[in-house]
Amino acid sequence: MRGLSGDHRFHIRDLVPAILLLVLLLGGLAAAVLTPTGKDDQYVVMVAPWRTLNSVINSIQLAEGAIISVNASSSLITVYSEHKDFPSRLYKDGEWLVFEPLQPGGCFAIQERTTAA
């Protein structure tokens, strides 16, 4: 009996559906994580490499935001604004990326307790 004959070599086109699914899933995950909700009125602004820190600070002030902190390399700025359209205001002014600050701890974070007097 003769075995199956044919071309059994690996072709990159065989991976195209899997690669497309991976790109779709990673894109959806990135959009879900990086889209700010404004829940706590705090945002993190990532400074684009071609922007100066002064221009970013001016953009934040024009969008009616207040600076909370700047990291050591001045590439991430935590800001506060009560305006729900604050991220879109920053994007219109040329900011690169605005996202919500992540709470450290994830599932293991300690819940805050309040005491009523």
PDB file of N, CA and C in Angstrom:
ATOM      1  N   MET A   1       0.824  -1.176   0.000  1.00  0.00           N
ATOM      2  CA  MET A   1       0.000   0.000   0.000  1.00  0.00           C
ATOM      3  C   MET A   1       0.866   1.236   0.000  1.00  0.00           C
ATOM      4  N   ARG A   2       0.446   2.164  -0.740  1.00  0.00           N
ATOM      5  CA  ARG A   2       1.176   3.414  -0.793  1.00  0.00           C
ATOM      6  C   ARG A   2       0.610   4.366   0.260  1.00  0.00           C
ATOM      7  N   GLY A   3       1.505   5.120   0.893  1.00  0.00           N
ATOM      8  CA  GLY A   3       1.084   6.125   1.864  1.00  0.00           C
ATOM      9  C   GLY A   3       0.521   7.349   1.162  1.00  0.00           C
ATOM     10  N   LEU A   4       0.014   8.251   1.939  1.00  0.00           N
ATOM     11  CA  LEU A   4      -0.501   9.485   1.365  1.00  0.00           C
ATOM     12  C   LEU A   4       0.640  10.272   0.758  1.00  0.00           C
ATOM     13  N   SER A   5       0.425  10.727  -0.404  1.00  0.00           N
ATOM     14  CA  SER A   5       1.449  11.558  -1.027  1.00  0.00           C
ATOM     15  C   SER A   5       0.941  12.983  -1.092  1.00  0.00           C
ATOM     16  N   GLY A   6       1.844  13.879  -1.098  1.00  0.00           N
ATOM     17  CA  GLY A   6       1.465  15.287  -1.160  1.00  0.00           C
ATOM     18  C   GLY A   6       2.470  16.125  -0.394  1.00  0.00           C
ATOM     19  N   ASP A   7       2.187  17.369  -0.366  1.00  0.00           N
ATOM     20  CA  ASP A   7       3.083  18.321   0.276  1.00  0.00           C
ATOM     21  C   ASP A   7       2.674  18.488   1.741  1.00  0.00           C
ATOM     22  N   HIS A   8       3.496  17.989   2.662  1.00  0.00           N
ATOM     23  CA  HIS A   8       3.190  18.074   4.091  1.00  0.00           C
ATOM     24  C   HIS A   8       4.093  19.081   4.792  1.00  0.00           C
ATOM     25  N   ARG A   9       4.707  19.968   4.048  1.00  0.00           N
ATOM     26  CA  ARG A   9       5.576  20.969   4.655  1.00  0.00           C
ATOM     27  C   ARG A   9       4.739  22.062   5.312  1.00  0.00           C
ATOM     28  N   PHE A  10       5.355  22.706   6.259  1.00  0.00           N
ATOM     29  CA  PHE A  10       4.703  23.803   6.969  1.00  0.00           C
ATOM     30  C   PHE A  10       4.718  25.054   6.106  1.00  0.00           C
ATOM     31  N   HIS A  11       3.580  25.738   6.059  1.00  0.00           N
ATOM     32  CA  HIS A  11       3.475  27.007   5.340  1.00  0.00           C
ATOM     33  C   HIS A  11       2.949  28.068   6.307  1.00  0.00           C
ATOM     34  N   ILE A  12       3.476  29.250   6.201  1.00  0.00           N
ATOM     35  CA  ILE A  12       3.061  30.331   7.097  1.00  0.00           C
ATOM     36  C   ILE A  12       1.580  30.656   6.902  1.00  0.00           C
ATOM     37  N   ARG A  13       1.056  30.424   5.727  1.00  0.00           N
ATOM     38  CA  ARG A  13      -0.364  30.711   5.489  1.00  0.00           C
ATOM     39  C   ARG A  13      -1.282  29.825   6.337  1.00  0.00           C
ATOM     40  N   ASP A  14      -0.737  28.730   6.842  1.00  0.00           N
ATOM     41  CA  ASP A  14      -1.527  27.871   7.731  1.00  0.00           C
ATOM     42  C   ASP A  14      -1.791  28.546   9.078  1.00  0.00           C
ATOM     43  N   LEU A  15      -0.952  29.498   9.439  1.00  0.00           N
ATOM     44  CA  LEU A  15      -1.098  30.198  10.711  1.00  0.00           C
ATOM     45  C   LEU A  15      -1.918  31.482  10.619  1.00  0.00           C
ATOM     46  N   VAL A  16      -2.290  31.898   9.437  1.00  0.00           N
ATOM     47  CA  VAL A  16      -2.997  33.164   9.262  1.00  0.00           C
ATOM     48  C   VAL A  16      -4.269  33.256  10.115  1.00  0.00           C
ATOM     49  N   PRO A  17      -5.147  32.259  10.166  1.00  0.00           N
ATOM     50  CA  PRO A  17      -6.334  32.380  11.027  1.00  0.00           C
ATOM     51  C   PRO A  17      -5.984  32.544  12.512  1.00  0.00           C
ATOM     52  N   ALA A  18      -4.991  31.806  12.970  1.00  0.00           N
ATOM     53  CA  ALA A  18      -4.593  31.907  14.377  1.00  0.00           C
ATOM     54  C   ALA A  18      -3.980  33.282  14.673  1.00  0.00           C
ATOM     55  N   ILE A  19      -3.176  33.792  13.761  1.00  0.00           N
ATOM     56  CA  ILE A  19      -2.567  35.121  13.956  1.00  0.00           C
ATOM     57  C   ILE A  19      -3.638  36.199  13.962  1.00  0.00           C
ATOM     58  N   LEU A  20      -4.613  36.109  13.056  1.00  0.00           N
ATOM     59  CA  LEU A  20      -5.693  37.092  13.034  1.00  0.00           C
ATOM     60  C   LEU A  20      -6.511  37.057  14.312  1.00  0.00           C
ATOM     61  N   LEU A  21      -6.790  35.869  14.835  1.00  0.00           N
ATOM     62  CA  LEU A  21      -7.529  35.735  16.089  1.00  0.00           C
ATOM     63  C   LEU A  21      -6.730  36.322  17.247  1.00  0.00           C
ATOM     64  N   LEU A  22      -5.439  36.073  17.286  1.00  0.00           N
ATOM     65  CA  LEU A  22      -4.583  36.628  18.331  1.00  0.00           C
ATOM     66  C   LEU A  22      -4.571  38.150  18.287  1.00  0.00           C
ATOM     67  N   VAL A  23      -4.429  38.718  17.105  1.00  0.00           N
ATOM     68  CA  VAL A  23      -4.434  40.176  16.961  1.00  0.00           C
ATOM     69  C   VAL A  23      -5.773  40.756  17.396  1.00  0.00           C
ATOM     70  N   LEU A  24      -6.862  40.118  17.025  1.00  0.00           N
ATOM     71  CA  LEU A  24      -8.188  40.584  17.413  1.00  0.00           C
ATOM     72  C   LEU A  24      -8.381  40.540  18.926  1.00  0.00           C
ATOM     73  N   LEU A  25      -7.984  39.435  19.551  1.00  0.00           N
ATOM     74  CA  LEU A  25      -8.138  39.297  20.997  1.00  0.00           C
ATOM     75  C   LEU A  25      -7.243  40.273  21.761  1.00  0.00           C
ATOM     76  N   LEU A  26      -6.000  40.421  21.345  1.00  0.00           N
ATOM     77  CA  LEU A  26      -5.091  41.355  22.015  1.00  0.00           C
ATOM     78  C   LEU A  26      -5.531  42.803  21.813  1.00  0.00           C
ATOM     79  N   GLY A  27      -6.049  43.106  20.641  1.00  0.00           N
ATOM     80  CA  GLY A  27      -6.567  44.451  20.393  1.00  0.00           C
ATOM     81  C   GLY A  27      -7.761  44.764  21.269  1.00  0.00           C
ATOM     82  N   GLY A  28      -8.667  43.808  21.405  1.00  0.00           N
ATOM     83  CA  GLY A  28      -9.827  44.003  22.275  1.00  0.00           C
ATOM     84  C   GLY A  28      -9.438  44.147  23.730  1.00  0.00           C
ATOM     85  N   LEU A  29      -8.482  43.348  24.158  1.00  0.00           N
ATOM     86  CA  LEU A  29      -8.001  43.434  25.537  1.00  0.00           C
ATOM     87  C   LEU A  29      -7.314  44.772  25.800  1.00  0.00           C
ATOM     88  N   ALA A  30      -6.486  45.209  24.881  1.00  0.00           N
ATOM     89  CA  ALA A  30      -5.812  46.504  25.032  1.00  0.00           C
ATOM     90  C   ALA A  30      -6.824  47.645  25.065  1.00  0.00           C
ATOM     91  N   ALA A  31      -7.837  47.584  24.216  1.00  0.00           N
ATOM     92  CA  ALA A  31      -8.860  48.629  24.213  1.00  0.00           C
ATOM     93  C   ALA A  31      -9.633  48.645  25.523  1.00  0.00           C
ATOM     94  N   ALA A  32      -9.920  47.476  26.068  1.00  0.00           N
ATOM     95  CA  ALA A  32     -10.660  47.414  27.330  1.00  0.00           C
ATOM     96  C   ALA A  32      -9.839  47.930  28.497  1.00  0.00           C
ATOM     97  N   VAL A  33      -8.561  47.631  28.504  1.00  0.00           N
ATOM     98  CA  VAL A  33      -7.708  48.049  29.615  1.00  0.00           C
ATOM     99  C   VAL A  33      -7.324  49.518  29.499  1.00  0.00           C
ATOM    100  N   LEU A  34      -7.071  49.993  28.296  1.00  0.00           N
ATOM    101  CA  LEU A  34      -6.561  51.350  28.123  1.00  0.00           C
ATOM    102  C   LEU A  34      -7.639  52.411  27.939  1.00  0.00           C
ATOM    103  N   THR A  35      -8.895  52.037  27.832  1.00  0.00           N
ATOM    104  CA  THR A  35      -9.958  53.025  27.691  1.00  0.00           C
ATOM    105  C   THR A  35     -10.343  53.538  29.076  1.00  0.00           C
ATOM    106  N   PRO A  36     -10.106  54.824  29.327  1.00  0.00           N
ATOM    107  CA  PRO A  36     -10.416  55.345  30.664  1.00  0.00           C
ATOM    108  C   PRO A  36     -11.914  55.481  30.889  1.00  0.00           C
ATOM    109  N   THR A  37     -12.342  55.131  32.090  1.00  0.00           N
ATOM    110  CA  THR A  37     -13.757  55.265  32.441  1.00  0.00           C
ATOM    111  C   THR A  37     -14.033  56.543  33.206  1.00  0.00           C
ATOM    112  N   GLY A  38     -13.018  57.111  33.816  1.00  0.00           N
ATOM    113  CA  GLY A  38     -13.213  58.325  34.607  1.00  0.00           C
ATOM    114  C   GLY A  38     -13.889  58.046  35.936  1.00  0.00           C
ATOM    115  N   LYS A  39     -13.828  56.808  36.386  1.00  0.00           N
ATOM    116  CA  LYS A  39     -14.524  56.403  37.605  1.00  0.00           C
ATOM    117  C   LYS A  39     -14.091  57.230  38.812  1.00  0.00           C
ATOM    118  N   ASP A  40     -12.798  57.437  38.974  1.00  0.00           N
ATOM    119  CA  ASP A  40     -12.283  58.206  40.103  1.00  0.00           C
ATOM    120  C   ASP A  40     -11.805  59.591  39.690  1.00  0.00           C
ATOM    121  N   ASP A  41     -12.124  60.006  38.482  1.00  0.00           N
ATOM    122  CA  ASP A  41     -11.701  61.294  37.924  1.00  0.00           C
ATOM    123  C   ASP A  41     -10.188  61.417  37.857  1.00  0.00           C
ATOM    124  N   GLN A  42      -9.485  60.286  37.822  1.00  0.00           N
ATOM    125  CA  GLN A  42      -8.040  60.287  37.695  1.00  0.00           C
ATOM    126  C   GLN A  42      -7.640  59.579  36.410  1.00  0.00           C
ATOM    127  N   TYR A  43      -6.592  60.093  35.796  1.00  0.00           N
ATOM    128  CA  TYR A  43      -6.100  59.552  34.542  1.00  0.00           C
ATOM    129  C   TYR A  43      -4.585  59.575  34.561  1.00  0.00           C
ATOM    130  N   VAL A  44      -3.984  58.728  33.742  1.00  0.00           N
ATOM    131  CA  VAL A  44      -2.550  58.765  33.527  1.00  0.00           C
ATOM    132  C   VAL A  44      -2.326  59.189  32.085  1.00  0.00           C
ATOM    133  N   VAL A  45      -1.484  60.198  31.902  1.00  0.00           N
ATOM    134  CA  VAL A  45      -1.157  60.691  30.574  1.00  0.00           C
ATOM    135  C   VAL A  45       0.258  60.228  30.253  1.00  0.00           C
ATOM    136  N   MET A  46       0.404  59.496  29.157  1.00  0.00           N
ATOM    137  CA  MET A  46       1.736  59.077  28.723  1.00  0.00           C
ATOM    138  C   MET A  46       2.251  60.137  27.754  1.00  0.00           C
ATOM    139  N   VAL A  47       3.397  60.680  28.087  1.00  0.00           N
ATOM    140  CA  VAL A  47       3.983  61.748  27.282  1.00  0.00           C
ATOM    141  C   VAL A  47       4.669  61.135  26.068  1.00  0.00           C
ATOM    142  N   ALA A  48       4.316  61.626  24.909  1.00  0.00           N
ATOM    143  CA  ALA A  48       4.952  61.148  23.679  1.00  0.00           C
ATOM    144  C   ALA A  48       6.405  61.606  23.662  1.00  0.00           C
ATOM    145  N   PRO A  49       7.298  60.806  23.099  1.00  0.00           N
ATOM    146  CA  PRO A  49       8.721  61.165  23.105  1.00  0.00           C
ATOM    147  C   PRO A  49       9.031  62.492  22.422  1.00  0.00           C
ATOM    148  N   TRP A  50       8.206  62.909  21.473  1.00  0.00           N
ATOM    149  CA  TRP A  50       8.472  64.145  20.743  1.00  0.00           C
ATOM    150  C   TRP A  50       7.858  65.374  21.411  1.00  0.00           C
ATOM    151  N   ARG A  51       7.121  65.200  22.498  1.00  0.00           N
ATOM    152  CA  ARG A  51       6.508  66.321  23.200  1.00  0.00           C
ATOM    153  C   ARG A  51       7.358  66.719  24.395  1.00  0.00           C
ATOM    154  N   THR A  52       7.400  68.007  24.667  1.00  0.00           N
ATOM    155  CA  THR A  52       8.107  68.475  25.852  1.00  0.00           C
ATOM    156  C   THR A  52       7.161  68.423  27.040  1.00  0.00           C
ATOM    157  N   LEU A  53       7.740  68.346  28.228  1.00  0.00           N
ATOM    158  CA  LEU A  53       6.923  68.280  29.433  1.00  0.00           C
ATOM    159  C   LEU A  53       6.085  69.546  29.590  1.00  0.00           C
ATOM    160  N   ASN A  54       6.644  70.691  29.240  1.00  0.00           N
ATOM    161  CA  ASN A  54       5.885  71.951  29.351  1.00  0.00           C
ATOM    162  C   ASN A  54       4.666  71.973  28.436  1.00  0.00           C
ATOM    163  N   SER A  55       4.794  71.431  27.230  1.00  0.00           N
ATOM    164  CA  SER A  55       3.644  71.426  26.318  1.00  0.00           C
ATOM    165  C   SER A  55       2.547  70.492  26.831  1.00  0.00           C
ATOM    166  N   VAL A  56       2.942  69.392  27.458  1.00  0.00           N
ATOM    167  CA  VAL A  56       1.958  68.463  28.012  1.00  0.00           C
ATOM    168  C   VAL A  56       1.251  69.101  29.211  1.00  0.00           C
ATOM    169  N   ILE A  57       1.998  69.784  30.050  1.00  0.00           N
ATOM    170  CA  ILE A  57       1.402  70.474  31.203  1.00  0.00           C
ATOM    171  C   ILE A  57       0.421  71.541  30.724  1.00  0.00           C
ATOM    172  N   ASN A  58       0.776  72.262  29.666  1.00  0.00           N
ATOM    173  CA  ASN A  58      -0.145  73.258  29.100  1.00  0.00           C
ATOM    174  C   ASN A  58      -1.411  72.592  28.568  1.00  0.00           C
ATOM    175  N   SER A  59      -1.264  71.428  27.923  1.00  0.00           N
ATOM    176  CA  SER A  59      -2.429  70.699  27.411  1.00  0.00           C
ATOM    177  C   SER A  59      -3.353  70.285  28.548  1.00  0.00           C
ATOM    178  N   ILE A  60      -2.766  69.814  29.642  1.00  0.00           N
ATOM    179  CA  ILE A  60      -3.557  69.387  30.797  1.00  0.00           C
ATOM    180  C   ILE A  60      -4.313  70.562  31.394  1.00  0.00           C
ATOM    181  N   GLN A  61      -3.646  71.706  31.511  1.00  0.00           N
ATOM    182  CA  GLN A  61      -4.301  72.893  32.063  1.00  0.00           C
ATOM    183  C   GLN A  61      -5.402  73.400  31.145  1.00  0.00           C
ATOM    184  N   LEU A  62      -5.182  73.376  29.829  1.00  0.00           N
ATOM    185  CA  LEU A  62      -6.208  73.817  28.882  1.00  0.00           C
ATOM    186  C   LEU A  62      -7.429  72.899  28.902  1.00  0.00           C
ATOM    187  N   ALA A  63      -7.208  71.620  29.188  1.00  0.00           N
ATOM    188  CA  ALA A  63      -8.313  70.660  29.266  1.00  0.00           C
ATOM    189  C   ALA A  63      -8.974  70.678  30.642  1.00  0.00           C
ATOM    190  N   GLU A  64      -8.566  71.609  31.488  1.00  0.00           N
ATOM    191  CA  GLU A  64      -9.113  71.797  32.838  1.00  0.00           C
ATOM    192  C   GLU A  64      -8.835  70.606  33.744  1.00  0.00           C
ATOM    193  N   GLY A  65      -7.566  70.186  33.757  1.00  0.00           N
ATOM    194  CA  GLY A  65      -7.126  69.119  34.632  1.00  0.00           C
ATOM    195  C   GLY A  65      -6.070  69.627  35.599  1.00  0.00           C
ATOM    196  N   ALA A  66      -5.869  68.880  36.674  1.00  0.00           N
ATOM    197  CA  ALA A  66      -4.865  69.226  37.672  1.00  0.00           C
ATOM    198  C   ALA A  66      -3.867  68.074  37.785  1.00  0.00           C
ATOM    199  N   ILE A  67      -2.601  68.407  37.893  1.00  0.00           N
ATOM    200  CA  ILE A  67      -1.554  67.397  37.984  1.00  0.00           C
ATOM    201  C   ILE A  67      -1.465  66.881  39.415  1.00  0.00           C
ATOM    202  N   ILE A  68      -1.487  65.565  39.555  1.00  0.00           N
ATOM    203  CA  ILE A  68      -1.342  64.927  40.864  1.00  0.00           C
ATOM    204  C   ILE A  68       0.112  64.535  41.084  1.00  0.00           C
ATOM    205  N   SER A  69       0.713  63.858  40.096  1.00  0.00           N
ATOM    206  CA  SER A  69       2.106  63.444  40.237  1.00  0.00           C
ATOM    207  C   SER A  69       2.731  63.241  38.867  1.00  0.00           C
ATOM    208  N   VAL A  70       4.065  63.315  38.858  1.00  0.00           N
ATOM    209  CA  VAL A  70       4.853  63.066  37.657  1.00  0.00           C
ATOM    210  C   VAL A  70       5.906  62.040  38.044  1.00  0.00           C
ATOM    211  N   ASN A  71       6.074  60.984  37.220  1.00  0.00           N
ATOM    212  CA  ASN A  71       7.064  59.973  37.579  1.00  0.00           C
ATOM    213  C   ASN A  71       8.475  60.511  37.351  1.00  0.00           C
ATOM    214  N   ALA A  72       9.466  59.758  37.780  1.00  0.00           N
ATOM    215  CA  ALA A  72      10.856  60.218  37.764  1.00  0.00           C
ATOM    216  C   ALA A  72      11.357  60.538  36.358  1.00  0.00           C
ATOM    217  N   SER A  73      10.925  59.795  35.369  1.00  0.00           N
ATOM    218  CA  SER A  73      11.388  60.045  34.001  1.00  0.00           C
ATOM    219  C   SER A  73      10.514  61.050  33.263  1.00  0.00           C
ATOM    220  N   SER A  74       9.505  61.579  33.919  1.00  0.00           N
ATOM    221  CA  SER A  74       8.567  62.561  33.346  1.00  0.00           C
ATOM    222  C   SER A  74       7.817  62.027  32.132  1.00  0.00           C
ATOM    223  N   SER A  75       7.672  60.714  32.043  1.00  0.00           N
ATOM    224  CA  SER A  75       6.954  60.151  30.904  1.00  0.00           C
ATOM    225  C   SER A  75       5.512  59.794  31.242  1.00  0.00           C
ATOM    226  N   LEU A  76       5.185  59.678  32.535  1.00  0.00           N
ATOM    227  CA  LEU A  76       3.821  59.388  32.968  1.00  0.00           C
ATOM    228  C   LEU A  76       3.388  60.448  33.978  1.00  0.00           C
ATOM    229  N   ILE A  77       2.249  61.046  33.701  1.00  0.00           N
ATOM    230  CA  ILE A  77       1.726  62.089  34.573  1.00  0.00           C
ATOM    231  C   ILE A  77       0.335  61.670  35.034  1.00  0.00           C
ATOM    232  N   THR A  78       0.132  61.654  36.336  1.00  0.00           N
ATOM    233  CA  THR A  78      -1.181  61.346  36.888  1.00  0.00           C
ATOM    234  C   THR A  78      -1.929  62.657  37.069  1.00  0.00           C
ATOM    235  N   VAL A  79      -3.134  62.723  36.518  1.00  0.00           N
ATOM    236  CA  VAL A  79      -3.904  63.969  36.547  1.00  0.00           C
ATOM    237  C   VAL A  79      -5.304  63.723  37.090  1.00  0.00           C
ATOM    238  N   TYR A  80      -5.946  64.803  37.477  1.00  0.00           N
ATOM    239  CA  TYR A  80      -7.304  64.765  38.007  1.00  0.00           C
ATOM    240  C   TYR A  80      -8.154  65.744  37.217  1.00  0.00           C
ATOM    241  N   SER A  81      -9.338  65.314  36.848  1.00  0.00           N
ATOM    242  CA  SER A  81     -10.294  66.200  36.195  1.00  0.00           C
ATOM    243  C   SER A  81     -11.700  65.651  36.390  1.00  0.00           C
ATOM    244  N   GLU A  82     -12.622  66.535  36.672  1.00  0.00           N
ATOM    245  CA  GLU A  82     -14.017  66.128  36.844  1.00  0.00           C
ATOM    246  C   GLU A  82     -14.782  66.100  35.531  1.00  0.00           C
ATOM    247  N   HIS A  83     -14.166  66.550  34.454  1.00  0.00           N
ATOM    248  CA  HIS A  83     -14.821  66.567  33.145  1.00  0.00           C
ATOM    249  C   HIS A  83     -14.764  65.167  32.540  1.00  0.00           C
ATOM    250  N   LYS A  84     -15.913  64.632  32.183  1.00  0.00           N
ATOM    251  CA  LYS A  84     -15.985  63.279  31.620  1.00  0.00           C
ATOM    252  C   LYS A  84     -15.349  63.196  30.236  1.00  0.00           C
ATOM    253  N   ASP A  85     -15.267  64.315  29.528  1.00  0.00           N
ATOM    254  CA  ASP A  85     -14.640  64.305  28.209  1.00  0.00           C
ATOM    255  C   ASP A  85     -13.175  64.733  28.271  1.00  0.00           C
ATOM    256  N   PHE A  86     -12.570  64.666  29.452  1.00  0.00           N
ATOM    257  CA  PHE A  86     -11.177  65.069  29.635  1.00  0.00           C
ATOM    258  C   PHE A  86     -10.219  64.295  28.719  1.00  0.00           C
ATOM    259  N   PRO A  87     -10.333  62.953  28.619  1.00  0.00           N
ATOM    260  CA  PRO A  87      -9.416  62.249  27.704  1.00  0.00           C
ATOM    261  C   PRO A  87      -9.540  62.716  26.254  1.00  0.00           C
ATOM    262  N   SER A  88     -10.761  62.942  25.791  1.00  0.00           N
ATOM    263  CA  SER A  88     -10.918  63.391  24.398  1.00  0.00           C
ATOM    264  C   SER A  88     -10.355  64.796  24.203  1.00  0.00           C
ATOM    265  N   ARG A  89     -10.442  65.630  25.227  1.00  0.00           N
ATOM    266  CA  ARG A  89      -9.826  66.961  25.148  1.00  0.00           C
ATOM    267  C   ARG A  89      -8.307  66.844  24.980  1.00  0.00           C
ATOM    268  N   LEU A  90      -7.706  65.920  25.726  1.00  0.00           N
ATOM    269  CA  LEU A  90      -6.256  65.734  25.621  1.00  0.00           C
ATOM    270  C   LEU A  90      -5.866  65.153  24.267  1.00  0.00           C
ATOM    271  N   TYR A  91      -6.651  64.192  23.777  1.00  0.00           N
ATOM    272  CA  TYR A  91      -6.351  63.615  22.466  1.00  0.00           C
ATOM    273  C   TYR A  91      -6.447  64.666  21.369  1.00  0.00           C
ATOM    274  N   LYS A  92      -7.428  65.564  21.470  1.00  0.00           N
ATOM    275  CA  LYS A  92      -7.563  66.632  20.467  1.00  0.00           C
ATOM    276  C   LYS A  92      -6.374  67.567  20.494  1.00  0.00           C
ATOM    277  N   ASP A  93      -5.756  67.706  21.668  1.00  0.00           N
ATOM    278  CA  ASP A  93      -4.601  68.596  21.797  1.00  0.00           C
ATOM    279  C   ASP A  93      -3.289  67.889  21.461  1.00  0.00           C
ATOM    280  N   GLY A  94      -3.372  66.633  21.050  1.00  0.00           N
ATOM    281  CA  GLY A  94      -2.189  65.944  20.570  1.00  0.00           C
ATOM    282  C   GLY A  94      -1.516  65.009  21.555  1.00  0.00           C
ATOM    283  N   GLU A  95      -2.176  64.711  22.662  1.00  0.00           N
ATOM    284  CA  GLU A  95      -1.564  63.770  23.600  1.00  0.00           C
ATOM    285  C   GLU A  95      -1.602  62.368  23.015  1.00  0.00           C
ATOM    286  N   TRP A  96      -0.663  61.573  23.432  1.00  0.00           N
ATOM    287  CA  TRP A  96      -0.428  60.275  22.824  1.00  0.00           C
ATOM    288  C   TRP A  96      -1.326  59.198  23.393  1.00  0.00           C
ATOM    289  N   LEU A  97      -1.360  59.073  24.727  1.00  0.00           N
ATOM    290  CA  LEU A  97      -2.121  58.004  25.347  1.00  0.00           C
ATOM    291  C   LEU A  97      -2.619  58.463  26.708  1.00  0.00           C
ATOM    292  N   VAL A  98      -3.921  58.261  26.956  1.00  0.00           N
ATOM    293  CA  VAL A  98      -4.541  58.592  28.236  1.00  0.00           C
ATOM    294  C   VAL A  98      -5.258  57.332  28.706  1.00  0.00           C
ATOM    295  N   PHE A  99      -4.935  56.884  29.909  1.00  0.00           N
ATOM    296  CA  PHE A  99      -5.579  55.684  30.424  1.00  0.00           C
ATOM    297  C   PHE A  99      -5.809  55.826  31.914  1.00  0.00           C
ATOM    298  N   GLU A 100      -6.503  54.860  32.466  1.00  0.00           N
ATOM    299  CA  GLU A 100      -6.871  54.887  33.873  1.00  0.00           C
ATOM    300  C   GLU A 100      -5.737  54.316  34.722  1.00  0.00           C
ATOM    301  N   PRO A 101      -5.439  54.932  35.864  1.00  0.00           N
ATOM    302  CA  PRO A 101      -4.389  54.366  36.712  1.00  0.00           C
ATOM    303  C   PRO A 101      -4.845  53.027  37.287  1.00  0.00           C
ATOM    304  N   LEU A 102      -3.953  52.060  37.269  1.00  0.00           N
ATOM    305  CA  LEU A 102      -4.278  50.733  37.777  1.00  0.00           C
ATOM    306  C   LEU A 102      -4.042  50.691  39.278  1.00  0.00           C
ATOM    307  N   GLN A 103      -4.919  50.016  39.953  1.00  0.00           N
ATOM    308  CA  GLN A 103      -4.756  49.843  41.389  1.00  0.00           C
ATOM    309  C   GLN A 103      -3.814  48.667  41.634  1.00  0.00           C
ATOM    310  N   PRO A 104      -2.765  48.873  42.415  1.00  0.00           N
ATOM    311  CA  PRO A 104      -1.865  47.746  42.684  1.00  0.00           C
ATOM    312  C   PRO A 104      -2.551  46.678  43.528  1.00  0.00           C
ATOM    313  N   GLY A 105      -2.165  45.467  43.322  1.00  0.00           N
ATOM    314  CA  GLY A 105      -2.703  44.380  44.136  1.00  0.00           C
ATOM    315  C   GLY A 105      -3.648  43.475  43.390  1.00  0.00           C
ATOM    316  N   GLY A 106      -4.360  43.994  42.411  1.00  0.00           N
ATOM    317  CA  GLY A 106      -5.287  43.172  41.633  1.00  0.00           C
ATOM    318  C   GLY A 106      -6.312  42.500  42.512  1.00  0.00           C
ATOM    319  N   CYS A 107      -6.445  41.187  42.390  1.00  0.00           N
ATOM    320  CA  CYS A 107      -7.431  40.432  43.158  1.00  0.00           C
ATOM    321  C   CYS A 107      -7.085  40.353  44.640  1.00  0.00           C
ATOM    322  N   PHE A 108      -5.814  40.602  44.952  1.00  0.00           N
ATOM    323  CA  PHE A 108      -5.370  40.463  46.328  1.00  0.00           C
ATOM    324  C   PHE A 108      -5.324  41.794  47.065  1.00  0.00           C
ATOM    325  N   ALA A 109      -5.867  42.840  46.474  1.00  0.00           N
ATOM    326  CA  ALA A 109      -5.826  44.157  47.104  1.00  0.00           C
ATOM    327  C   ALA A 109      -6.640  44.136  48.397  1.00  0.00           C
ATOM    328  N   ILE A 110      -6.174  44.878  49.370  1.00  0.00           N
ATOM    329  CA  ILE A 110      -6.870  44.967  50.643  1.00  0.00           C
ATOM    330  C   ILE A 110      -7.987  45.992  50.509  1.00  0.00           C
ATOM    331  N   GLN A 111      -9.175  45.612  50.909  1.00  0.00           N
ATOM    332  CA  GLN A 111     -10.295  46.531  50.808  1.00  0.00           C
ATOM    333  C   GLN A 111     -10.173  47.612  51.870  1.00  0.00           C
ATOM    334  N   GLU A 112     -10.575  48.827  51.479  1.00  0.00           N
ATOM    335  CA  GLU A 112     -10.583  49.908  52.442  1.00  0.00           C
ATOM    336  C   GLU A 112     -11.778  49.762  53.348  1.00  0.00           C
ATOM    337  N   ARG A 113     -11.578  50.088  54.591  1.00  0.00           N
ATOM    338  CA  ARG A 113     -12.680  50.012  55.551  1.00  0.00           C
ATOM    339  C   ARG A 113     -12.973  51.415  56.049  1.00  0.00           C
ATOM    340  N   THR A 114     -14.238  51.707  56.154  1.00  0.00           N
ATOM    341  CA  THR A 114     -14.630  52.993  56.690  1.00  0.00           C
ATOM    342  C   THR A 114     -15.360  52.759  58.003  1.00  0.00           C
ATOM    343  N   THR A 115     -15.226  53.706  58.867  1.00  0.00           N
ATOM    344  CA  THR A 115     -15.936  53.613  60.127  1.00  0.00           C
ATOM    345  C   THR A 115     -16.917  54.754  60.217  1.00  0.00           C
ATOM    346  N   ALA A 116     -18.104  54.435  60.550  1.00  0.00           N
ATOM    347  CA  ALA A 116     -19.134  55.476  60.717  1.00  0.00           C
ATOM    348  C   ALA A 116     -19.153  55.907  62.174  1.00  0.00           C
ATOM    349  N   ALA A 117     -19.190  57.193  62.374  1.00  0.00           N
ATOM    350  CA  ALA A 117     -19.189  57.710  63.750  1.00  0.00           C
ATOM    351  C   ALA A 117     -20.585  57.850  64.266  1.00  0.00           C
TER     352      ALA A 117
END
